[in-house]
């Protein structure tokens, strides 16, 4: 399988994870803000590393902003939301189990 196909499959999985979370949570605005923060912070750290030559991206990324792939930046936002949702999910279950004891 081509490496670009791997990337796009991973991107779709992260997108679907984000969309599922947005449909299941009550506080959609909070998770959208997490998404925006993930985009901003991801872009900032990537642009600093990219401009200093720490890494480059292969040519299969179609749409870029200042040399950074937009799909990479979006995926970072999706990942932040997914991680924070998992942390929140675990925290709530721990609180429920400790309240029973």
C-alpha atoms as a PDB file:
ATOM      1  CA  UNK A   1       0.000   0.000   0.000  1.00  0.00           C
ATOM      2  CA  UNK A   2       1.214   3.495  -0.829  1.00  0.00           C
ATOM      3  CA  UNK A   3       2.200   5.735   2.127  1.00  0.00           C
ATOM      4  CA  UNK A   4      -0.198   8.446   0.949  1.00  0.00           C
ATOM      5  CA  UNK A   5      -3.053   5.961   1.222  1.00  0.00           C
ATOM      6  CA  UNK A   6      -2.014   5.146   4.799  1.00  0.00           C
ATOM      7  CA  UNK A   7      -2.108   8.824   5.646  1.00  0.00           C
ATOM      8  CA  UNK A   8      -5.538   9.418   4.140  1.00  0.00           C
ATOM      9  CA  UNK A   9      -6.978   6.333   5.879  1.00  0.00           C
ATOM     10  CA  UNK A  10      -5.585   7.586   9.204  1.00  0.00           C
ATOM     11  CA  UNK A  11      -6.969  11.058   8.481  1.00  0.00           C
ATOM     12  CA  UNK A  12     -10.450   9.644   7.784  1.00  0.00           C
ATOM     13  CA  UNK A  13     -10.329   7.576  10.989  1.00  0.00           C
ATOM     14  CA  UNK A  14      -9.430  10.668  13.034  1.00  0.00           C
ATOM     15  CA  UNK A  15     -12.133  12.713  11.273  1.00  0.00           C
ATOM     16  CA  UNK A  16     -14.741  10.047  12.005  1.00  0.00           C
ATOM     17  CA  UNK A  17     -13.606   9.881  15.634  1.00  0.00           C
ATOM     18  CA  UNK A  18     -14.004  13.647  15.938  1.00  0.00           C
ATOM     19  CA  UNK A  19     -17.448  13.598  14.305  1.00  0.00           C
ATOM     20  CA  UNK A  20     -18.646  10.759  16.544  1.00  0.00           C
ATOM     21  CA  UNK A  21     -17.516  12.694  19.601  1.00  0.00           C
ATOM     22  CA  UNK A  22     -19.253  15.860  18.379  1.00  0.00           C
ATOM     23  CA  UNK A  23     -22.499  13.936  17.912  1.00  0.00           C
ATOM     24  CA  UNK A  24     -22.349  12.226  21.313  1.00  0.00           C
ATOM     25  CA  UNK A  25     -21.295  15.045  23.671  1.00  0.00           C
ATOM     26  CA  UNK A  26     -23.684  17.602  25.087  1.00  0.00           C
ATOM     27  CA  UNK A  27     -21.117  20.426  25.232  1.00  0.00           C
ATOM     28  CA  UNK A  28     -20.267  20.617  21.525  1.00  0.00           C
ATOM     29  CA  UNK A  29     -18.841  24.118  21.830  1.00  0.00           C
ATOM     30  CA  UNK A  30     -16.240  22.990  24.375  1.00  0.00           C
ATOM     31  CA  UNK A  31     -14.979  20.211  22.104  1.00  0.00           C
ATOM     32  CA  UNK A  32     -14.968  22.524  19.100  1.00  0.00           C
ATOM     33  CA  UNK A  33     -12.782  24.923  21.087  1.00  0.00           C
ATOM     34  CA  UNK A  34     -10.466  22.005  21.895  1.00  0.00           C
ATOM     35  CA  UNK A  35     -10.337  21.310  18.153  1.00  0.00           C
ATOM     36  CA  UNK A  36      -9.427  24.918  17.347  1.00  0.00           C
ATOM     37  CA  UNK A  37      -6.756  24.969  20.061  1.00  0.00           C
ATOM     38  CA  UNK A  38      -5.304  21.731  18.690  1.00  0.00           C
ATOM     39  CA  UNK A  39      -5.135  23.280  15.222  1.00  0.00           C
ATOM     40  CA  UNK A  40      -3.479  26.470  16.449  1.00  0.00           C
ATOM     41  CA  UNK A  41      -0.943  24.768  18.716  1.00  0.00           C
ATOM     42  CA  UNK A  42      -0.227  22.040  16.175  1.00  0.00           C
ATOM     43  CA  UNK A  43       0.316  24.585  13.433  1.00  0.00           C
ATOM     44  CA  UNK A  44       2.558  26.699  15.644  1.00  0.00           C
ATOM     45  CA  UNK A  45       4.829  23.827  16.678  1.00  0.00           C
ATOM     46  CA  UNK A  46       4.891  22.408  13.150  1.00  0.00           C
ATOM     47  CA  UNK A  47       5.740  25.717  11.481  1.00  0.00           C
ATOM     48  CA  UNK A  48       8.588  26.349  13.914  1.00  0.00           C
ATOM     49  CA  UNK A  49      10.071  22.885  13.325  1.00  0.00           C
ATOM     50  CA  UNK A  50       9.401  22.982   9.582  1.00  0.00           C
ATOM     51  CA  UNK A  51      11.012  26.388   9.017  1.00  0.00           C
ATOM     52  CA  UNK A  52      14.070  25.364  11.021  1.00  0.00           C
ATOM     53  CA  UNK A  53      14.465  22.313   8.806  1.00  0.00           C
ATOM     54  CA  UNK A  54      13.832  19.615  11.410  1.00  0.00           C
ATOM     55  CA  UNK A  55      11.573  17.731   9.004  1.00  0.00           C
ATOM     56  CA  UNK A  56       9.894  17.902   5.620  1.00  0.00           C
ATOM     57  CA  UNK A  57       6.671  16.527   4.222  1.00  0.00           C
ATOM     58  CA  UNK A  58       6.358  14.199   1.253  1.00  0.00           C
ATOM     59  CA  UNK A  59       4.833  15.570  -1.926  1.00  0.00           C
ATOM     60  CA  UNK A  60       1.499  13.751  -1.708  1.00  0.00           C
ATOM     61  CA  UNK A  61      -0.067  16.438   0.496  1.00  0.00           C
ATOM     62  CA  UNK A  62      -2.149  18.520  -1.872  1.00  0.00           C
ATOM     63  CA  UNK A  63      -3.195  21.638   0.033  1.00  0.00           C
ATOM     64  CA  UNK A  64      -0.588  23.400   2.156  1.00  0.00           C
ATOM     65  CA  UNK A  65      -0.339  26.588   4.168  1.00  0.00           C
ATOM     66  CA  UNK A  66       3.185  27.978   4.442  1.00  0.00           C
ATOM     67  CA  UNK A  67       4.455  24.545   3.423  1.00  0.00           C
ATOM     68  CA  UNK A  68       2.458  22.661   6.075  1.00  0.00           C
ATOM     69  CA  UNK A  69      -0.252  20.262   4.934  1.00  0.00           C
ATOM     70  CA  UNK A  70      -3.731  21.359   5.965  1.00  0.00           C
ATOM     71  CA  UNK A  71      -4.728  17.741   6.559  1.00  0.00           C
ATOM     72  CA  UNK A  72      -1.887  17.401   9.078  1.00  0.00           C
ATOM     73  CA  UNK A  73      -3.040  20.488  10.965  1.00  0.00           C
ATOM     74  CA  UNK A  74      -6.656  19.297  10.994  1.00  0.00           C
ATOM     75  CA  UNK A  75      -5.575  15.841  12.173  1.00  0.00           C
ATOM     76  CA  UNK A  76      -3.769  17.441  15.103  1.00  0.00           C
ATOM     77  CA  UNK A  77      -6.998  19.189  16.072  1.00  0.00           C
ATOM     78  CA  UNK A  78      -8.934  15.927  15.780  1.00  0.00           C
ATOM     79  CA  UNK A  79      -6.325  14.154  17.908  1.00  0.00           C
ATOM     80  CA  UNK A  80      -6.524  16.737  20.680  1.00  0.00           C
ATOM     81  CA  UNK A  81     -10.304  16.335  20.860  1.00  0.00           C
ATOM     82  CA  UNK A  82     -10.077  12.542  20.892  1.00  0.00           C
ATOM     83  CA  UNK A  83      -7.419  12.533  23.636  1.00  0.00           C
ATOM     84  CA  UNK A  84      -9.328  14.985  25.824  1.00  0.00           C
ATOM     85  CA  UNK A  85     -12.543  13.027  25.329  1.00  0.00           C
ATOM     86  CA  UNK A  86     -10.819   9.804  26.405  1.00  0.00           C
ATOM     87  CA  UNK A  87      -9.334  11.516  29.463  1.00  0.00           C
ATOM     88  CA  UNK A  88     -12.740  12.965  30.368  1.00  0.00           C
ATOM     89  CA  UNK A  89     -14.395   9.563  29.845  1.00  0.00           C
ATOM     90  CA  UNK A  90     -11.896   7.818  32.128  1.00  0.00           C
ATOM     91  CA  UNK A  91     -12.132  10.557  34.746  1.00  0.00           C
ATOM     92  CA  UNK A  92     -15.944  10.311  34.867  1.00  0.00           C
ATOM     93  CA  UNK A  93     -15.837   6.533  35.260  1.00  0.00           C
ATOM     94  CA  UNK A  94     -13.259   6.761  38.035  1.00  0.00           C
ATOM     95  CA  UNK A  95     -15.395   9.336  39.830  1.00  0.00           C
ATOM     96  CA  UNK A  96     -18.488   7.123  39.484  1.00  0.00           C
ATOM     97  CA  UNK A  97     -16.700   4.066  40.852  1.00  0.00           C
ATOM     98  CA  UNK A  98     -15.171   6.000  43.754  1.00  0.00           C
ATOM     99  CA  UNK A  99     -18.559   7.523  44.607  1.00  0.00           C
ATOM    100  CA  UNK A 100     -20.059   4.035  44.918  1.00  0.00           C
ATOM    101  CA  UNK A 101     -17.437   3.051  47.499  1.00  0.00           C
END
